Structure formats: structure tokens, C-alpha cells
N, C-alpha and C. Protein backbone atom coordinates (compact mmCIF):
# COMPACT_ATOMS: atom_id res chain seq x y z
N MET A 1 133.25 95.14 115.82
CA MET A 1 133.14 94.65 114.37
C MET A 1 134.20 93.39 114.22
N GLU A 2 135.35 93.79 114.72
CA GLU A 2 136.33 92.75 114.59
C GLU A 2 136.12 91.43 115.52
N LYS A 3 135.39 91.69 116.52
CA LYS A 3 134.91 90.62 117.48
C LYS A 3 133.87 89.71 116.57
N SER A 4 133.07 90.42 115.79
CA SER A 4 131.98 89.66 115.22
C SER A 4 132.71 88.91 114.21
N ASN A 5 133.73 89.23 113.41
CA ASN A 5 134.60 88.54 112.31
C ASN A 5 134.92 87.37 112.95
N THR A 6 135.65 87.51 114.27
CA THR A 6 136.31 86.45 114.93
C THR A 6 135.32 85.40 115.35
N ASN A 7 134.24 85.86 115.64
CA ASN A 7 132.89 84.83 115.95
C ASN A 7 132.53 84.08 114.86
N LYS A 8 132.61 84.90 113.63
CA LYS A 8 132.10 84.05 112.44
C LYS A 8 133.08 83.18 112.11
N GLY A 9 134.38 83.47 112.13
CA GLY A 9 135.58 82.60 111.80
C GLY A 9 135.46 81.32 112.70
N TYR A 10 135.31 81.48 114.01
CA TYR A 10 135.04 80.38 114.73
C TYR A 10 133.95 79.55 114.44
N ILE A 11 132.88 80.12 114.18
CA ILE A 11 131.58 79.17 113.86
C ILE A 11 131.85 78.42 112.65
N THR A 12 132.66 79.12 111.67
CA THR A 12 133.08 78.47 110.41
C THR A 12 133.88 77.15 110.70
N GLU A 13 134.81 77.30 111.68
CA GLU A 13 135.51 76.41 111.96
C GLU A 13 134.97 75.23 112.57
N VAL A 14 134.14 75.46 113.44
CA VAL A 14 133.34 74.71 114.40
C VAL A 14 132.58 73.81 113.14
N ILE A 15 131.85 74.46 112.49
CA ILE A 15 130.88 73.83 111.35
C ILE A 15 131.87 72.74 110.46
N ASP A 16 133.02 73.12 110.04
CA ASP A 16 133.78 72.28 109.37
C ASP A 16 134.20 71.08 110.35
N LEU A 17 134.70 71.33 111.58
CA LEU A 17 134.89 70.23 112.31
C LEU A 17 133.80 69.14 112.52
N ILE A 18 132.49 69.76 112.65
CA ILE A 18 131.41 68.90 112.73
C ILE A 18 131.12 68.29 111.50
N SER A 19 131.27 68.74 110.30
CA SER A 19 130.84 68.36 108.94
C SER A 19 131.83 67.18 108.73
N GLY A 20 133.13 67.48 109.14
CA GLY A 20 134.36 66.40 108.79
C GLY A 20 134.32 65.51 109.61
N GLU A 21 133.30 65.31 110.58
CA GLU A 21 133.28 64.22 111.54
C GLU A 21 134.69 64.11 112.36
N GLU A 22 135.16 65.58 112.74
CA GLU A 22 136.13 65.37 113.58
C GLU A 22 135.90 66.13 114.90
N ILE A 23 134.89 65.61 115.67
CA ILE A 23 134.38 66.31 116.88
C ILE A 23 135.62 66.15 117.95
N SER A 24 136.31 65.09 117.88
CA SER A 24 137.25 64.93 118.78
C SER A 24 138.20 66.21 119.00
N LEU A 25 138.47 67.05 117.78
CA LEU A 25 139.46 68.06 117.77
C LEU A 25 138.58 69.42 118.39
N LEU A 26 137.29 69.26 118.67
CA LEU A 26 136.50 70.37 119.24
C LEU A 26 136.98 70.68 120.59
N ASP A 27 137.40 72.06 120.82
CA ASP A 27 137.70 72.35 122.22
C ASP A 27 136.11 72.84 122.87
N PHE A 28 135.65 72.25 123.61
CA PHE A 28 134.24 72.46 124.42
C PHE A 28 134.47 73.54 125.33
N ASP A 29 135.55 73.82 126.12
CA ASP A 29 135.62 75.17 126.73
C ASP A 29 135.67 76.41 125.79
N LYS A 30 136.26 76.43 124.91
CA LYS A 30 136.39 77.43 123.98
C LYS A 30 135.06 77.74 123.30
N LEU A 31 134.37 76.61 122.99
CA LEU A 31 132.99 76.57 122.30
C LEU A 31 132.26 77.14 123.10
N HIS A 32 132.06 76.84 124.43
CA HIS A 32 131.34 77.39 125.64
C HIS A 32 131.51 78.80 125.63
N LYS A 33 132.80 79.26 125.69
CA LYS A 33 133.30 80.79 125.78
C LYS A 33 132.71 81.48 124.74
N GLU A 34 132.77 81.05 123.46
CA GLU A 34 132.45 81.59 122.15
C GLU A 34 130.81 81.73 122.06
N LEU A 35 130.06 80.76 122.35
CA LEU A 35 128.79 80.67 122.54
C LEU A 35 128.13 81.78 123.55
N MET A 36 128.87 82.02 124.67
CA MET A 36 128.45 83.09 125.66
C MET A 36 128.73 84.36 125.01
N GLU A 37 129.72 84.46 124.44
CA GLU A 37 129.79 85.98 123.81
C GLU A 37 128.96 86.16 122.60
N ILE A 38 128.70 85.11 121.83
CA ILE A 38 127.81 85.32 120.72
C ILE A 38 126.26 85.41 121.23
N THR A 39 125.99 85.01 122.55
CA THR A 39 124.64 85.25 123.01
C THR A 39 124.75 86.66 123.36
N SER A 40 125.71 87.23 123.94
CA SER A 40 125.71 88.70 124.41
C SER A 40 125.66 89.60 123.13
N THR A 41 126.34 89.23 122.17
CA THR A 41 126.39 90.00 120.88
C THR A 41 124.82 89.98 120.37
N LEU A 42 124.26 88.70 120.30
CA LEU A 42 122.76 88.80 119.93
C LEU A 42 121.81 89.50 120.65
N ASP A 43 122.15 89.46 121.99
CA ASP A 43 121.28 90.43 122.75
C ASP A 43 121.42 92.19 122.63
N ARG A 44 122.68 92.36 122.21
CA ARG A 44 122.83 93.67 121.89
C ARG A 44 122.22 93.91 120.44
N TYR A 45 122.55 93.01 119.58
CA TYR A 45 121.97 93.08 118.19
C TYR A 45 120.42 93.28 118.19
N GLU A 46 119.78 92.56 119.15
CA GLU A 46 118.42 92.74 119.18
C GLU A 46 117.92 93.92 119.79
N GLN A 47 118.76 94.38 120.73
CA GLN A 47 118.43 95.82 121.34
C GLN A 47 118.48 96.73 120.27
N ALA A 48 119.56 96.80 119.46
CA ALA A 48 119.85 97.93 118.45
C ALA A 48 118.83 97.79 117.37
N MET A 49 118.11 96.45 117.10
CA MET A 49 117.25 96.32 116.04
C MET A 49 115.89 96.92 116.49
N ASN A 50 115.52 96.76 117.89
CA ASN A 50 114.48 97.32 118.20
C ASN A 50 114.51 98.93 118.38
N GLU A 51 115.54 99.41 118.67
CA GLU A 51 115.78 100.87 118.77
C GLU A 51 115.79 101.53 117.40
N LEU A 52 116.42 100.70 116.30
CA LEU A 52 116.23 101.01 114.97
C LEU A 52 114.65 101.17 114.56
N GLU A 53 113.93 99.89 114.80
CA GLU A 53 112.67 100.09 114.40
C GLU A 53 111.71 101.35 114.92
N VAL A 54 112.13 101.80 116.17
CA VAL A 54 111.51 102.87 116.83
C VAL A 54 111.85 104.03 115.79
N LEU A 55 113.19 104.16 115.60
CA LEU A 55 113.41 105.41 114.76
C LEU A 55 112.77 105.34 113.10
N ARG A 56 112.76 104.03 112.69
CA ARG A 56 112.06 103.77 111.38
C ARG A 56 110.69 104.30 111.51
N GLN A 57 109.94 103.82 112.39
CA GLN A 57 108.57 104.26 112.59
C GLN A 57 108.48 105.81 112.73
N ASP A 58 109.28 106.34 113.49
CA ASP A 58 109.09 107.80 113.68
C ASP A 58 109.46 108.53 112.32
N TYR A 59 110.41 108.14 111.43
CA TYR A 59 110.73 108.66 110.26
C TYR A 59 109.50 108.46 109.39
N ILE A 60 108.92 107.30 109.38
CA ILE A 60 107.83 106.89 108.46
C ILE A 60 106.63 107.97 108.91
N GLN A 61 106.35 107.91 110.22
CA GLN A 61 105.36 108.90 110.68
C GLN A 61 105.47 110.41 110.20
N ARG A 62 106.66 110.80 110.50
CA ARG A 62 106.98 112.23 110.13
C ARG A 62 106.83 112.36 108.63
N ILE A 63 107.41 111.45 107.81
CA ILE A 63 107.17 111.56 106.22
C ILE A 63 105.79 111.50 106.04
N SER A 64 105.06 110.64 106.52
CA SER A 64 103.44 110.43 106.20
C SER A 64 102.87 111.83 106.48
N GLY A 65 103.12 112.53 107.63
CA GLY A 65 102.37 113.66 108.06
C GLY A 65 102.79 114.73 107.25
N MET A 66 103.85 114.93 106.91
CA MET A 66 104.13 116.02 106.00
C MET A 66 103.63 115.82 104.56
N ALA A 67 103.68 114.55 103.99
CA ALA A 67 103.12 114.03 102.50
C ALA A 67 101.66 114.39 102.62
N LYS A 68 100.87 114.01 103.66
CA LYS A 68 99.40 114.10 103.68
C LYS A 68 99.22 115.78 103.86
N ALA A 69 99.93 116.47 104.50
CA ALA A 69 99.65 118.00 104.67
C ALA A 69 99.87 118.54 103.41
N ILE A 70 101.02 118.30 102.69
CA ILE A 70 101.16 118.75 101.23
C ILE A 70 100.06 118.41 100.24
N ALA A 71 99.70 117.12 100.43
CA ALA A 71 98.48 116.75 99.41
C ALA A 71 97.22 117.53 99.85
N VAL A 72 96.88 117.75 101.17
CA VAL A 72 95.65 118.36 101.45
C VAL A 72 95.96 120.13 101.06
N ALA A 73 97.09 120.62 101.35
CA ALA A 73 97.25 121.84 100.58
C ALA A 73 97.17 122.21 99.38
N LYS A 74 97.54 121.02 98.44
CA LYS A 74 97.19 121.23 96.91
C LYS A 74 95.97 121.12 96.51
N ARG A 75 95.14 120.43 97.33
CA ARG A 75 93.54 120.32 97.13
C ARG A 75 93.39 119.54 95.86
N ASN A 76 93.96 118.60 95.86
CA ASN A 76 93.95 117.79 94.61
C ASN A 76 93.59 116.34 95.02
N ASN A 77 92.59 115.75 94.63
CA ASN A 77 92.28 114.47 95.02
C ASN A 77 93.03 113.34 94.62
N SER A 78 93.42 113.39 93.21
CA SER A 78 94.37 112.71 92.69
C SER A 78 95.73 112.49 93.55
N SER A 79 96.23 113.81 94.14
CA SER A 79 97.48 113.63 94.70
C SER A 79 97.30 112.89 96.27
N LEU A 80 96.12 113.04 96.69
CA LEU A 80 95.95 112.21 98.12
C LEU A 80 96.03 110.68 97.68
N GLY A 81 95.41 110.17 96.68
CA GLY A 81 95.78 108.85 96.33
C GLY A 81 97.09 108.47 96.14
N GLN A 82 97.82 109.47 95.39
CA GLN A 82 99.32 109.09 95.16
C GLN A 82 100.10 109.14 96.76
N VAL A 83 99.66 109.96 97.52
CA VAL A 83 100.27 109.87 98.68
C VAL A 83 100.06 108.79 99.40
N LEU A 84 99.03 108.05 99.44
CA LEU A 84 98.67 106.91 100.14
C LEU A 84 99.42 105.84 99.54
N ASP A 85 99.61 105.92 98.32
CA ASP A 85 100.50 104.73 97.83
C ASP A 85 101.92 105.03 98.25
N TYR A 86 102.47 106.22 98.04
CA TYR A 86 103.71 106.45 98.54
C TYR A 86 104.01 106.04 100.13
N ILE A 87 102.92 106.38 100.94
CA ILE A 87 103.24 106.18 102.33
C ILE A 87 103.31 104.67 102.51
N GLU A 88 102.62 103.90 101.65
CA GLU A 88 102.71 102.29 101.96
C GLU A 88 103.91 101.77 101.55
N GLN A 89 104.61 102.30 100.62
CA GLN A 89 106.11 101.99 100.26
C GLN A 89 106.99 102.21 101.38
N LEU A 90 106.85 103.13 102.14
CA LEU A 90 107.86 103.67 103.19
C LEU A 90 108.43 102.63 103.83
N SER A 91 107.57 101.50 104.44
CA SER A 91 108.11 100.50 105.01
C SER A 91 109.21 99.52 104.50
N ASP A 92 109.02 99.66 103.23
CA ASP A 92 110.09 98.90 102.42
C ASP A 92 111.43 99.46 102.23
N LEU A 93 111.41 100.63 102.44
CA LEU A 93 112.73 101.41 102.21
C LEU A 93 113.74 101.21 103.40
N THR A 94 115.02 101.28 103.05
CA THR A 94 116.16 101.03 103.74
C THR A 94 116.27 102.35 104.55
N ALA A 95 116.92 102.41 105.84
CA ALA A 95 117.28 103.48 106.63
C ALA A 95 117.96 104.70 105.80
N PRO A 96 118.86 104.35 105.09
CA PRO A 96 119.57 105.67 104.18
C PRO A 96 118.35 106.20 103.23
N GLU A 97 117.62 105.35 102.64
CA GLU A 97 116.42 105.65 101.80
C GLU A 97 115.47 106.50 102.51
N LEU A 98 115.28 106.02 103.64
CA LEU A 98 114.25 106.81 104.61
C LEU A 98 114.75 108.27 104.94
N VAL A 99 115.99 108.23 105.15
CA VAL A 99 116.47 109.67 105.55
C VAL A 99 116.45 110.62 104.36
N GLU A 100 116.81 109.98 103.19
CA GLU A 100 116.83 110.78 101.81
C GLU A 100 115.35 111.29 101.45
N TYR A 101 114.40 110.33 101.66
CA TYR A 101 112.99 110.66 101.57
C TYR A 101 112.40 111.76 102.60
N TYR A 102 113.00 111.73 103.86
CA TYR A 102 112.67 112.54 104.77
C TYR A 102 113.26 114.08 104.35
N LYS A 103 114.43 113.95 104.00
CA LYS A 103 115.14 115.37 103.42
C LYS A 103 114.16 116.02 102.32
N LYS A 104 113.84 115.21 101.37
CA LYS A 104 113.23 115.70 100.16
C LYS A 104 111.81 116.14 100.74
N ILE A 105 110.93 115.42 101.27
CA ILE A 105 109.78 115.60 101.68
C ILE A 105 109.69 116.94 102.84
N GLN A 106 110.67 117.14 103.57
CA GLN A 106 110.87 118.17 104.36
C GLN A 106 111.15 119.54 103.67
N ALA A 107 111.98 119.54 102.55
CA ALA A 107 112.07 120.42 101.55
C ALA A 107 110.60 121.00 101.11
N LYS A 108 110.09 120.04 100.68
CA LYS A 108 108.83 120.15 99.79
C LYS A 108 107.66 120.69 100.88
N PHE A 109 107.81 120.33 102.07
CA PHE A 109 106.76 120.82 103.10
C PHE A 109 107.09 122.19 103.32
N HIS A 110 108.48 122.50 103.71
CA HIS A 110 108.67 124.08 103.99
C HIS A 110 108.19 124.92 102.76
N ASP A 111 108.47 124.46 101.54
CA ASP A 111 107.88 125.13 100.38
C ASP A 111 106.46 125.26 100.34
N ALA A 112 105.65 124.30 100.88
CA ALA A 112 104.20 124.47 100.71
C ALA A 112 103.75 125.17 102.05
N PHE A 113 104.47 125.31 103.15
CA PHE A 113 104.11 125.71 104.47
C PHE A 113 105.29 126.67 104.78
N PRO A 114 105.43 127.95 103.94
CA PRO A 114 106.53 128.74 104.41
C PRO A 114 106.31 129.37 106.00
N THR A 115 107.15 129.47 106.74
CA THR A 115 107.12 130.02 107.98
C THR A 115 107.15 131.55 108.07
N SER A 116 106.71 132.09 109.05
CA SER A 116 106.66 133.70 109.12
C SER A 116 107.77 134.01 110.00
N PHE A 117 108.77 133.15 110.44
CA PHE A 117 109.56 133.69 111.39
C PHE A 117 110.56 134.77 110.91
N GLY A 118 110.71 134.86 109.70
CA GLY A 118 111.31 136.10 109.23
C GLY A 118 111.02 137.37 109.40
N THR A 119 109.67 137.40 109.44
CA THR A 119 108.88 138.80 109.81
C THR A 119 108.78 138.94 111.45
N LEU A 120 108.61 137.82 111.97
CA LEU A 120 108.27 137.69 113.37
C LEU A 120 109.73 138.24 114.05
N PHE A 121 111.01 137.70 113.60
CA PHE A 121 112.08 138.35 114.20
C PHE A 121 112.57 139.62 113.94
N SER A 122 111.86 140.08 112.64
CA SER A 122 112.37 141.56 112.23
C SER A 122 111.67 142.63 113.03
N ARG A 123 110.38 142.23 113.59
CA ARG A 123 109.52 143.01 114.48
C ARG A 123 110.35 143.42 115.78
N PHE A 124 110.97 142.51 116.29
CA PHE A 124 111.62 142.72 117.69
C PHE A 124 112.99 143.54 117.60
N LYS A 125 113.22 144.56 117.85
CA LYS A 125 114.52 145.12 117.75
C LYS A 125 115.12 145.25 119.16
N PRO A 126 116.42 145.13 119.37
CA PRO A 126 117.14 145.21 120.46
C PRO A 126 116.58 145.99 121.31
N VAL A 127 116.81 146.21 122.64
CA VAL A 127 116.21 147.32 123.49
C VAL A 127 116.87 148.60 123.21
N ASN A 128 118.14 148.83 122.80
CA ASN A 128 118.91 149.91 122.64
C ASN A 128 118.50 150.50 121.32
N GLN A 129 117.54 149.85 120.30
CA GLN A 129 117.37 150.39 118.99
C GLN A 129 115.61 150.72 119.24
N ARG A 130 115.08 150.52 120.13
CA ARG A 130 113.63 150.59 120.35
C ARG A 130 113.35 152.08 120.53
N ASP A 131 112.26 152.65 119.94
CA ASP A 131 111.59 153.85 120.45
C ASP A 131 110.85 153.78 121.45
N LEU A 132 111.22 154.24 122.86
CA LEU A 132 110.66 154.10 123.97
C LEU A 132 109.27 154.97 124.22
N GLU A 133 109.46 156.01 123.23
CA GLU A 133 108.21 156.97 123.22
C GLU A 133 106.87 156.30 122.89
N VAL A 134 106.83 155.19 122.19
CA VAL A 134 105.72 154.43 121.86
C VAL A 134 104.97 154.05 123.08
N TYR A 135 105.69 153.59 124.09
CA TYR A 135 105.07 152.96 125.27
C TYR A 135 104.68 153.81 126.21
N LYS A 136 104.77 155.33 126.09
CA LYS A 136 104.31 156.40 127.07
C LYS A 136 102.92 156.85 126.75
């Protein structure tokens, strides 16, 4: 982050030199070096943006799937239309907003589709507590 601020400062300095017609004060070796660093930074930025887009699409698909399942479970045609409108607006949300929406819809999903893991695990007792006479 600090390097980015340094690059911004240098770019501003170069712009001022060019705008003020003081090109003779411009250090071309330093300019070359800074431009190479900026190119590297832009490559990393592009890679990060591509990865961010993959994560955003995954969140949107997860939210959409849960929202559709909840709407179907409610068996209300009007809620299906609302869900479609809701899904269309997801791509406009920021990353923190998507995470918040995901948490909310996940809680609603778990309410709509409670799991049976609680009863599943209570059926299995540790070996030392089982009645082995049942298996004879």
C-alpha cells in the first residue's frame, strides 16, 4: 500500500512537470523504473480483480440458490417474482454487502430447511455405551 502511495506521488510529480512545461527536469531513468513497477502493480491488480470476480460470482450463485429454494419452499408465486428481482440486484452490491446478504440468506435457509443432524448424532452412542446384546 505504501508503494502505491509512492507511485501516485511520483505520477503526480511527473504530471506537474509535463503540465508546467518543465520536461527538462524529468529524470527518464527514474521514470522508466517507476513505470516498470507500476506495470507490475497493475498485473497484480488485474489478477486480484479476476480472483475477486470469481468469488463474487460464487457468492451470487450461492445466495441465488438459497433464495430460490426458500421461495419454492414457501410455495408462494409472488415470492418467486420477488426472488428474481432480488437476484438481479446482487451483481450491483459491493463485496461487504454480498457477504452480509449471504449471512442473512443463509440464516433464512437454515430456518426453512432445518437439518436432522441433531437426531442423527444422538442415535450413535460411543462403543462403551452401546447395548451389544442387540447385535446377537
